[in-house]
């Protein structure tokens, strides 16, 4: 799948090193209460991402910049527990060098379009930490609206829950 600036494809095992590189960077985890991923956490997360694809035939994509064919991030739609309820969740993480170029908004709009037209879904959710202003702006530019809060990280402020409906 493509956008004007991005190529979105199913992740491959060879993408793991770049996945780990992005997810171990403290800058890409500024708002992540768990902090940067260690190798074991990255391996487990990447394995779950591949298994989601195997089970549902969709999931997080490898995000590639067309301009230089480099992997700039990972993200997509996947099922995630919101407390006791499973929701179709939109999530992404981009490498620092990809920030501020409009990629996150471009990616988010394409993922939402895919969810509605490609998958026939009626609603898509996103969770964002309340101090992550850049990601809040991305979700809002893509047409998502805050509908509530979720206490998903013990001892931390509640996450903001966003939703868009078809």
N, C-alpha and C. Protein backbone atom coordinates (compact mmCIF):
# COMPACT_ATOMS: atom_id res chain seq x y z
N UNK A 1 0.84 -1.16 0.00
CA UNK A 1 0.00 0.00 0.00
C UNK A 1 0.90 1.24 0.00
N UNK A 2 0.41 2.30 -0.61
CA UNK A 2 1.22 3.52 -0.70
C UNK A 2 0.40 4.76 -0.41
N UNK A 3 1.11 5.80 0.03
CA UNK A 3 0.56 7.15 0.12
C UNK A 3 1.45 7.99 -0.80
N UNK A 4 1.27 9.28 -0.76
CA UNK A 4 2.10 10.14 -1.60
C UNK A 4 3.59 9.99 -1.27
N UNK A 5 3.91 9.87 0.02
CA UNK A 5 5.31 9.85 0.45
C UNK A 5 5.78 8.53 1.04
N UNK A 6 4.85 7.60 1.28
CA UNK A 6 5.18 6.41 2.05
C UNK A 6 4.79 5.11 1.35
N UNK A 7 5.54 4.07 1.66
CA UNK A 7 5.20 2.70 1.28
C UNK A 7 4.89 1.96 2.58
N UNK A 8 3.76 1.29 2.62
CA UNK A 8 3.36 0.51 3.80
C UNK A 8 3.31 -0.94 3.38
N UNK A 9 4.08 -1.77 4.07
CA UNK A 9 4.08 -3.19 3.73
C UNK A 9 4.11 -4.05 4.98
N UNK A 10 3.71 -5.29 4.79
CA UNK A 10 3.74 -6.25 5.88
C UNK A 10 5.18 -6.39 6.38
N UNK A 11 5.39 -6.41 7.69
CA UNK A 11 6.76 -6.54 8.19
C UNK A 11 7.36 -7.91 7.88
N UNK A 12 8.66 -7.91 7.70
CA UNK A 12 9.42 -9.14 7.45
C UNK A 12 10.41 -9.32 8.59
N UNK A 13 10.85 -10.56 8.79
CA UNK A 13 11.80 -10.84 9.88
C UNK A 13 13.04 -9.97 9.79
N UNK A 14 13.47 -9.65 8.57
CA UNK A 14 14.67 -8.82 8.39
C UNK A 14 14.47 -7.39 8.87
N UNK A 15 13.23 -6.98 9.14
CA UNK A 15 12.94 -5.63 9.63
C UNK A 15 13.21 -5.48 11.12
N UNK A 16 13.47 -6.60 11.80
CA UNK A 16 13.57 -6.53 13.26
C UNK A 16 14.65 -5.57 13.75
N UNK A 17 15.82 -5.59 13.15
CA UNK A 17 16.91 -4.72 13.63
C UNK A 17 16.50 -3.26 13.61
N UNK A 18 15.83 -2.85 12.54
CA UNK A 18 15.37 -1.45 12.45
C UNK A 18 14.26 -1.19 13.47
N UNK A 19 13.37 -2.17 13.66
CA UNK A 19 12.31 -2.07 14.66
C UNK A 19 12.92 -1.83 16.04
N UNK A 20 13.93 -2.62 16.38
CA UNK A 20 14.59 -2.49 17.67
C UNK A 20 15.30 -1.14 17.79
N UNK A 21 15.98 -0.75 16.73
CA UNK A 21 16.71 0.53 16.73
C UNK A 21 15.76 1.70 17.04
N UNK A 22 14.59 1.70 16.42
CA UNK A 22 13.62 2.78 16.63
C UNK A 22 13.04 2.70 18.04
N UNK A 23 12.71 1.50 18.49
CA UNK A 23 12.02 1.33 19.77
C UNK A 23 12.92 1.39 21.00
N UNK A 24 14.24 1.30 20.81
CA UNK A 24 15.15 1.44 21.95
C UNK A 24 15.61 2.89 22.13
N UNK A 25 15.27 3.75 21.19
CA UNK A 25 15.67 5.16 21.23
C UNK A 25 14.87 5.90 22.30
N UNK A 26 15.54 6.49 23.29
CA UNK A 26 14.82 7.24 24.33
C UNK A 26 13.94 8.36 23.76
N UNK A 27 14.37 8.98 22.67
CA UNK A 27 13.58 10.07 22.06
C UNK A 27 12.23 9.58 21.56
N UNK A 28 12.18 8.38 20.97
CA UNK A 28 10.91 7.88 20.45
C UNK A 28 10.01 7.35 21.56
N UNK A 29 10.54 7.32 22.76
CA UNK A 29 9.79 6.82 23.92
C UNK A 29 9.58 7.89 24.99
N UNK A 30 9.67 9.15 24.61
CA UNK A 30 9.52 10.23 25.58
C UNK A 30 8.23 10.13 26.39
N UNK A 31 7.16 9.69 25.76
CA UNK A 31 5.85 9.64 26.42
C UNK A 31 5.42 8.22 26.76
N UNK A 32 6.31 7.28 26.58
CA UNK A 32 6.00 5.88 26.85
C UNK A 32 6.39 5.57 28.31
N UNK A 33 5.39 5.31 29.17
CA UNK A 33 5.72 5.05 30.58
C UNK A 33 6.65 3.85 30.77
N UNK A 34 6.67 2.92 29.82
CA UNK A 34 7.56 1.76 29.91
C UNK A 34 8.98 2.10 29.52
N UNK A 35 9.16 3.24 28.85
CA UNK A 35 10.49 3.64 28.41
C UNK A 35 10.94 2.87 27.18
N UNK A 36 12.18 3.07 26.79
CA UNK A 36 12.72 2.37 25.62
C UNK A 36 12.67 0.86 25.79
N UNK A 37 12.51 0.17 24.67
CA UNK A 37 12.46 -1.30 24.72
C UNK A 37 13.85 -1.89 24.84
N UNK A 38 13.95 -2.92 25.67
CA UNK A 38 15.18 -3.71 25.66
C UNK A 38 15.02 -4.78 24.57
N UNK A 39 16.06 -5.53 24.34
CA UNK A 39 16.06 -6.51 23.26
C UNK A 39 14.94 -7.55 23.42
N UNK A 40 14.75 -8.07 24.63
CA UNK A 40 13.73 -9.10 24.86
C UNK A 40 12.33 -8.56 24.60
N UNK A 41 12.06 -7.35 25.09
CA UNK A 41 10.73 -6.73 24.88
C UNK A 41 10.51 -6.47 23.38
N UNK A 42 11.53 -5.98 22.69
CA UNK A 42 11.40 -5.72 21.25
C UNK A 42 11.15 -7.01 20.49
N UNK A 43 11.87 -8.08 20.84
CA UNK A 43 11.66 -9.37 20.17
C UNK A 43 10.24 -9.87 20.38
N UNK A 44 9.73 -9.76 21.61
CA UNK A 44 8.38 -10.20 21.93
C UNK A 44 7.32 -9.36 21.19
N UNK A 45 7.51 -8.06 21.18
CA UNK A 45 6.57 -7.16 20.51
C UNK A 45 6.56 -7.41 19.01
N UNK A 46 7.75 -7.55 18.42
CA UNK A 46 7.84 -7.80 16.98
C UNK A 46 7.20 -9.14 16.63
N UNK A 47 7.44 -10.16 17.46
CA UNK A 47 6.85 -11.48 17.25
C UNK A 47 5.32 -11.39 17.30
N UNK A 48 4.78 -10.64 18.27
CA UNK A 48 3.32 -10.46 18.36
C UNK A 48 2.77 -9.72 17.14
N UNK A 49 3.54 -8.78 16.62
CA UNK A 49 3.11 -8.04 15.42
C UNK A 49 3.00 -9.01 14.23
N UNK A 50 3.99 -9.88 14.07
CA UNK A 50 3.96 -10.86 12.98
C UNK A 50 2.82 -11.86 13.18
N UNK A 51 2.60 -12.29 14.42
CA UNK A 51 1.51 -13.23 14.71
C UNK A 51 0.15 -12.62 14.45
N UNK A 52 0.01 -11.31 14.72
CA UNK A 52 -1.26 -10.63 14.43
C UNK A 52 -1.55 -10.72 12.93
N UNK A 53 -0.53 -10.49 12.12
CA UNK A 53 -0.69 -10.61 10.67
C UNK A 53 -1.12 -12.03 10.30
N UNK A 54 -0.46 -13.02 10.87
CA UNK A 54 -0.79 -14.41 10.56
C UNK A 54 -2.24 -14.73 10.94
N UNK A 55 -2.69 -14.21 12.07
CA UNK A 55 -4.04 -14.51 12.55
C UNK A 55 -5.13 -13.73 11.83
N UNK A 56 -4.89 -12.44 11.55
CA UNK A 56 -5.96 -11.57 11.04
C UNK A 56 -5.73 -11.07 9.61
N UNK A 57 -4.57 -11.31 9.05
CA UNK A 57 -4.19 -10.84 7.71
C UNK A 57 -4.16 -9.31 7.61
N UNK A 58 -3.88 -8.66 8.72
CA UNK A 58 -3.58 -7.23 8.77
C UNK A 58 -2.85 -6.98 10.08
N UNK A 59 -2.31 -5.78 10.22
CA UNK A 59 -1.61 -5.44 11.46
C UNK A 59 -0.73 -4.23 11.26
N UNK A 60 0.34 -4.17 12.04
CA UNK A 60 1.29 -3.08 11.91
C UNK A 60 2.13 -3.25 10.66
N UNK A 61 2.28 -2.17 9.93
CA UNK A 61 3.10 -2.19 8.72
C UNK A 61 4.53 -1.72 9.02
N UNK A 62 5.42 -2.07 8.14
CA UNK A 62 6.72 -1.42 8.06
C UNK A 62 6.48 -0.17 7.22
N UNK A 63 6.89 0.99 7.73
CA UNK A 63 6.65 2.27 7.06
C UNK A 63 7.96 2.72 6.42
N UNK A 64 7.92 2.91 5.11
CA UNK A 64 9.13 3.23 4.33
C UNK A 64 8.93 4.57 3.64
N UNK A 65 9.93 5.45 3.74
CA UNK A 65 9.89 6.73 3.02
C UNK A 65 10.24 6.49 1.56
N UNK A 66 9.39 6.96 0.66
CA UNK A 66 9.65 6.78 -0.78
C UNK A 66 10.92 7.50 -1.22
N UNK A 67 11.19 8.66 -0.63
CA UNK A 67 12.31 9.50 -1.09
C UNK A 67 13.65 8.79 -1.02
N UNK A 68 13.87 7.95 0.00
CA UNK A 68 15.16 7.28 0.10
C UNK A 68 15.05 5.78 0.39
N UNK A 69 13.81 5.27 0.36
CA UNK A 69 13.54 3.83 0.57
C UNK A 69 14.00 3.32 1.94
N UNK A 70 14.08 4.21 2.93
CA UNK A 70 14.51 3.79 4.27
C UNK A 70 13.29 3.52 5.15
N UNK A 71 13.44 2.57 6.06
CA UNK A 71 12.38 2.27 7.02
C UNK A 71 12.40 3.39 8.07
N UNK A 72 11.27 4.10 8.18
CA UNK A 72 11.20 5.23 9.11
C UNK A 72 10.30 4.93 10.32
N UNK A 73 9.63 3.77 10.31
CA UNK A 73 8.79 3.46 11.45
C UNK A 73 7.96 2.21 11.23
N UNK A 74 7.09 2.00 12.21
CA UNK A 74 6.19 0.86 12.20
C UNK A 74 4.86 1.31 12.79
N UNK A 75 3.78 0.82 12.22
CA UNK A 75 2.48 1.17 12.78
C UNK A 75 1.36 0.66 11.91
N UNK A 76 0.17 0.69 12.46
CA UNK A 76 -0.99 0.25 11.71
C UNK A 76 -2.17 0.00 12.61
N UNK A 77 -3.01 -0.90 12.18
CA UNK A 77 -4.22 -1.26 12.90
C UNK A 77 -4.04 -2.65 13.49
N UNK A 78 -4.44 -2.80 14.73
CA UNK A 78 -4.37 -4.12 15.38
C UNK A 78 -5.38 -4.15 16.52
N UNK A 79 -5.75 -5.34 16.91
CA UNK A 79 -6.66 -5.47 18.04
C UNK A 79 -5.89 -5.30 19.33
N UNK A 80 -6.45 -4.50 20.23
CA UNK A 80 -5.80 -4.17 21.50
C UNK A 80 -6.86 -4.10 22.59
N UNK A 81 -6.46 -4.53 23.77
CA UNK A 81 -7.39 -4.46 24.90
C UNK A 81 -7.40 -3.04 25.47
N UNK A 82 -8.60 -2.50 25.60
CA UNK A 82 -8.84 -1.21 26.26
C UNK A 82 -9.55 -1.58 27.55
N UNK A 83 -8.80 -1.81 28.61
CA UNK A 83 -9.40 -2.32 29.83
C UNK A 83 -9.91 -3.73 29.57
N UNK A 84 -11.21 -3.91 29.63
CA UNK A 84 -11.82 -5.23 29.42
C UNK A 84 -12.33 -5.43 28.00
N UNK A 85 -12.24 -4.39 27.16
CA UNK A 85 -12.80 -4.47 25.81
C UNK A 85 -11.70 -4.48 24.75
N UNK A 86 -11.88 -5.34 23.76
CA UNK A 86 -10.95 -5.36 22.62
C UNK A 86 -11.44 -4.36 21.58
N UNK A 87 -10.53 -3.52 21.12
CA UNK A 87 -10.86 -2.49 20.13
C UNK A 87 -9.87 -2.57 18.97
N UNK A 88 -10.28 -2.03 17.83
CA UNK A 88 -9.37 -1.88 16.69
C UNK A 88 -8.57 -0.62 16.95
N UNK A 89 -7.29 -0.78 17.21
CA UNK A 89 -6.40 0.29 17.64
C UNK A 89 -5.47 0.75 16.52
N UNK A 90 -5.34 2.05 16.40
CA UNK A 90 -4.38 2.66 15.49
C UNK A 90 -3.17 3.07 16.31
N UNK A 91 -2.00 2.60 15.93
CA UNK A 91 -0.78 2.97 16.65
C UNK A 91 0.38 3.09 15.69
N UNK A 92 1.38 3.84 16.09
CA UNK A 92 2.58 3.99 15.26
C UNK A 92 3.73 4.48 16.11
N UNK A 93 4.93 4.26 15.62
CA UNK A 93 6.13 4.85 16.19
C UNK A 93 7.07 5.13 15.03
N UNK A 94 7.47 6.39 14.92
CA UNK A 94 8.38 6.80 13.85
C UNK A 94 9.74 7.17 14.41
N UNK A 95 10.76 6.91 13.63
CA UNK A 95 12.13 7.29 13.98
C UNK A 95 12.22 8.81 14.07
N UNK A 96 13.10 9.30 14.92
CA UNK A 96 13.24 10.73 15.15
C UNK A 96 13.48 11.49 13.84
N UNK A 97 14.27 10.93 12.95
CA UNK A 97 14.58 11.64 11.70
C UNK A 97 13.35 11.80 10.80
N UNK A 98 12.27 11.11 11.10
CA UNK A 98 11.04 11.22 10.31
C UNK A 98 10.04 12.21 10.92
N UNK A 99 10.36 12.74 12.07
CA UNK A 99 9.44 13.67 12.74
C UNK A 99 9.38 15.01 12.00
N UNK A 100 8.23 15.66 12.10
CA UNK A 100 8.07 17.01 11.58
C UNK A 100 7.95 17.10 10.07
N UNK A 101 7.72 15.98 9.40
CA UNK A 101 7.63 15.98 7.94
C UNK A 101 6.23 15.66 7.44
N UNK A 102 5.28 15.52 8.36
CA UNK A 102 3.91 15.20 7.98
C UNK A 102 3.65 13.72 7.76
N UNK A 103 4.66 12.90 7.97
CA UNK A 103 4.50 11.46 7.73
C UNK A 103 3.46 10.83 8.66
N UNK A 104 3.47 11.24 9.93
CA UNK A 104 2.54 10.63 10.90
C UNK A 104 1.09 10.90 10.49
N UNK A 105 0.78 12.12 10.10
CA UNK A 105 -0.58 12.45 9.68
C UNK A 105 -0.94 11.73 8.39
N UNK A 106 -0.03 11.71 7.44
CA UNK A 106 -0.26 11.02 6.17
C UNK A 106 -0.51 9.53 6.41
N UNK A 107 0.31 8.93 7.27
CA UNK A 107 0.17 7.53 7.61
C UNK A 107 -1.17 7.27 8.30
N UNK A 108 -1.50 8.09 9.29
CA UNK A 108 -2.72 7.90 10.08
C UNK A 108 -3.96 7.98 9.20
N UNK A 109 -4.00 8.95 8.30
CA UNK A 109 -5.16 9.08 7.40
C UNK A 109 -5.29 7.84 6.50
N UNK A 110 -4.17 7.32 6.02
CA UNK A 110 -4.20 6.13 5.16
C UNK A 110 -4.65 4.91 5.96
N UNK A 111 -4.17 4.77 7.19
CA UNK A 111 -4.56 3.63 8.02
C UNK A 111 -6.06 3.67 8.31
N UNK A 112 -6.58 4.85 8.59
CA UNK A 112 -8.02 5.00 8.84
C UNK A 112 -8.81 4.64 7.59
N UNK A 113 -8.38 5.16 6.45
CA UNK A 113 -9.05 4.85 5.18
C UNK A 113 -9.04 3.35 4.92
N UNK A 114 -7.92 2.70 5.17
CA UNK A 114 -7.82 1.26 4.99
C UNK A 114 -8.79 0.53 5.93
N UNK A 115 -8.87 0.97 7.17
CA UNK A 115 -9.78 0.35 8.13
C UNK A 115 -11.23 0.44 7.69
N UNK A 116 -11.61 1.58 7.15
CA UNK A 116 -13.00 1.78 6.74
C UNK A 116 -13.31 1.16 5.39
N UNK A 117 -12.48 1.44 4.39
CA UNK A 117 -12.79 0.96 3.04
C UNK A 117 -12.21 -0.42 2.76
N UNK A 118 -10.98 -0.66 3.20
CA UNK A 118 -10.34 -1.95 2.93
C UNK A 118 -10.82 -3.08 3.83
N UNK A 119 -11.22 -2.74 5.06
CA UNK A 119 -11.61 -3.76 6.02
C UNK A 119 -13.10 -3.70 6.38
N UNK A 120 -13.77 -2.63 6.00
CA UNK A 120 -15.19 -2.50 6.30
C UNK A 120 -15.49 -2.27 7.77
N UNK A 121 -14.55 -1.72 8.52
CA UNK A 121 -14.77 -1.46 9.94
C UNK A 121 -15.59 -0.20 10.13
N UNK A 122 -16.27 -0.13 11.26
CA UNK A 122 -17.16 1.00 11.56
C UNK A 122 -16.51 2.05 12.45
N UNK A 123 -15.51 1.64 13.25
CA UNK A 123 -14.84 2.60 14.13
C UNK A 123 -13.42 2.14 14.42
N UNK A 124 -12.57 3.13 14.66
CA UNK A 124 -11.16 2.90 14.95
C UNK A 124 -10.80 3.76 16.16
N UNK A 125 -9.99 3.20 17.04
CA UNK A 125 -9.61 3.88 18.27
C UNK A 125 -8.10 4.15 18.30
N UNK A 126 -7.71 5.07 19.15
CA UNK A 126 -6.31 5.34 19.42
C UNK A 126 -6.15 5.76 20.86
N UNK A 127 -5.03 5.41 21.45
CA UNK A 127 -4.70 5.81 22.82
C UNK A 127 -3.46 6.68 22.75
N UNK A 128 -3.48 7.78 23.49
CA UNK A 128 -2.32 8.67 23.50
C UNK A 128 -2.12 9.19 24.93
N UNK A 129 -0.87 9.34 25.31
CA UNK A 129 -0.55 9.91 26.61
C UNK A 129 -0.93 11.40 26.59
N UNK A 130 -1.46 11.93 27.69
CA UNK A 130 -1.97 13.30 27.70
C UNK A 130 -0.93 14.38 27.43
N UNK A 131 0.35 14.09 27.66
CA UNK A 131 1.39 15.09 27.41
C UNK A 131 2.03 14.97 26.02
N UNK A 132 1.55 14.03 25.22
CA UNK A 132 2.11 13.84 23.87
C UNK A 132 1.33 14.70 22.88
N UNK A 133 1.60 15.99 22.93
CA UNK A 133 0.85 16.97 22.13
C UNK A 133 0.97 16.71 20.63
N UNK A 134 2.16 16.32 20.16
CA UNK A 134 2.35 16.08 18.73
C UNK A 134 1.43 14.95 18.24
N UNK A 135 1.35 13.85 18.99
CA UNK A 135 0.48 12.74 18.58
C UNK A 135 -0.99 13.10 18.70
N UNK A 136 -1.34 13.89 19.70
CA UNK A 136 -2.73 14.36 19.83
C UNK A 136 -3.11 15.14 18.58
N UNK A 137 -2.22 16.03 18.14
CA UNK A 137 -2.50 16.83 16.93
C UNK A 137 -2.64 15.95 15.70
N UNK A 138 -1.80 14.91 15.60
CA UNK A 138 -1.89 13.98 14.46
C UNK A 138 -3.26 13.31 14.43
N UNK A 139 -3.69 12.77 15.57
CA UNK A 139 -4.99 12.09 15.61
C UNK A 139 -6.12 13.05 15.27
N UNK A 140 -6.06 14.27 15.78
CA UNK A 140 -7.12 15.25 15.50
C UNK A 140 -7.10 15.68 14.04
N UNK A 141 -5.92 15.86 13.45
CA UNK A 141 -5.84 16.22 12.02
C UNK A 141 -6.41 15.11 11.15
N UNK A 142 -6.32 13.87 11.63
CA UNK A 142 -6.84 12.73 10.88
C UNK A 142 -8.35 12.53 11.11
N UNK A 143 -8.95 13.41 11.91
CA UNK A 143 -10.39 13.35 12.11
C UNK A 143 -10.85 12.60 13.35
N UNK A 144 -9.91 12.20 14.20
CA UNK A 144 -10.28 11.48 15.42
C UNK A 144 -10.65 12.48 16.52
N UNK A 145 -11.53 12.05 17.41
CA UNK A 145 -12.02 12.89 18.49
C UNK A 145 -11.81 12.19 19.82
N UNK A 146 -11.42 12.97 20.83
CA UNK A 146 -11.27 12.38 22.16
C UNK A 146 -12.65 12.04 22.70
N UNK A 147 -12.81 10.77 23.15
CA UNK A 147 -14.11 10.33 23.67
C UNK A 147 -14.04 9.93 25.14
N UNK A 148 -12.85 9.92 25.71
CA UNK A 148 -12.75 9.52 27.11
C UNK A 148 -11.31 9.34 27.53
N UNK A 149 -11.16 8.69 28.68
CA UNK A 149 -9.84 8.41 29.24
C UNK A 149 -9.79 6.96 29.66
N UNK A 150 -8.57 6.44 29.76
CA UNK A 150 -8.38 5.05 30.14
C UNK A 150 -7.23 4.96 31.14
N UNK A 151 -7.50 4.35 32.27
CA UNK A 151 -6.46 4.12 33.27
C UNK A 151 -5.74 2.83 32.89
N UNK A 152 -4.71 2.96 32.05
CA UNK A 152 -4.03 1.79 31.51
C UNK A 152 -2.60 1.63 32.01
N UNK A 153 -2.09 2.62 32.74
CA UNK A 153 -0.74 2.53 33.27
C UNK A 153 -0.79 2.88 34.76
N UNK A 154 -0.63 1.87 35.63
CA UNK A 154 -0.70 2.13 37.07
C UNK A 154 0.27 3.23 37.52
N UNK A 155 -0.25 4.16 38.33
CA UNK A 155 0.58 5.23 38.86
C UNK A 155 0.84 6.37 37.89
N UNK A 156 0.22 6.34 36.72
CA UNK A 156 0.42 7.39 35.70
C UNK A 156 -0.92 8.06 35.40
N UNK A 157 -0.88 9.29 34.87
CA UNK A 157 -2.14 9.92 34.45
C UNK A 157 -2.85 9.04 33.41
N UNK A 158 -4.15 9.16 33.36
CA UNK A 158 -4.93 8.36 32.40
C UNK A 158 -4.56 8.73 30.97
N UNK A 159 -4.58 7.72 30.10
CA UNK A 159 -4.38 7.96 28.67
C UNK A 159 -5.66 8.55 28.08
N UNK A 160 -5.52 9.29 27.01
CA UNK A 160 -6.67 9.83 26.30
C UNK A 160 -7.10 8.81 25.25
N UNK A 161 -8.38 8.57 25.13
CA UNK A 161 -8.92 7.64 24.15
C UNK A 161 -9.56 8.45 23.02
N UNK A 162 -9.11 8.17 21.80
CA UNK A 162 -9.64 8.83 20.61
C UNK A 162 -10.38 7.80 19.76
N UNK A 163 -11.34 8.32 18.98
CA UNK A 163 -12.13 7.42 18.12
C UNK A 163 -12.52 8.19 16.86
N UNK A 164 -12.64 7.44 15.78
CA UNK A 164 -13.25 7.95 14.56
C UNK A 164 -14.22 6.89 14.09
N UNK A 165 -15.38 7.35 13.62
CA UNK A 165 -16.40 6.43 13.11
C UNK A 165 -16.57 6.67 11.62
N UNK A 166 -16.93 5.59 10.93
CA UNK A 166 -17.11 5.64 9.49
C UNK A 166 -18.19 6.64 9.11
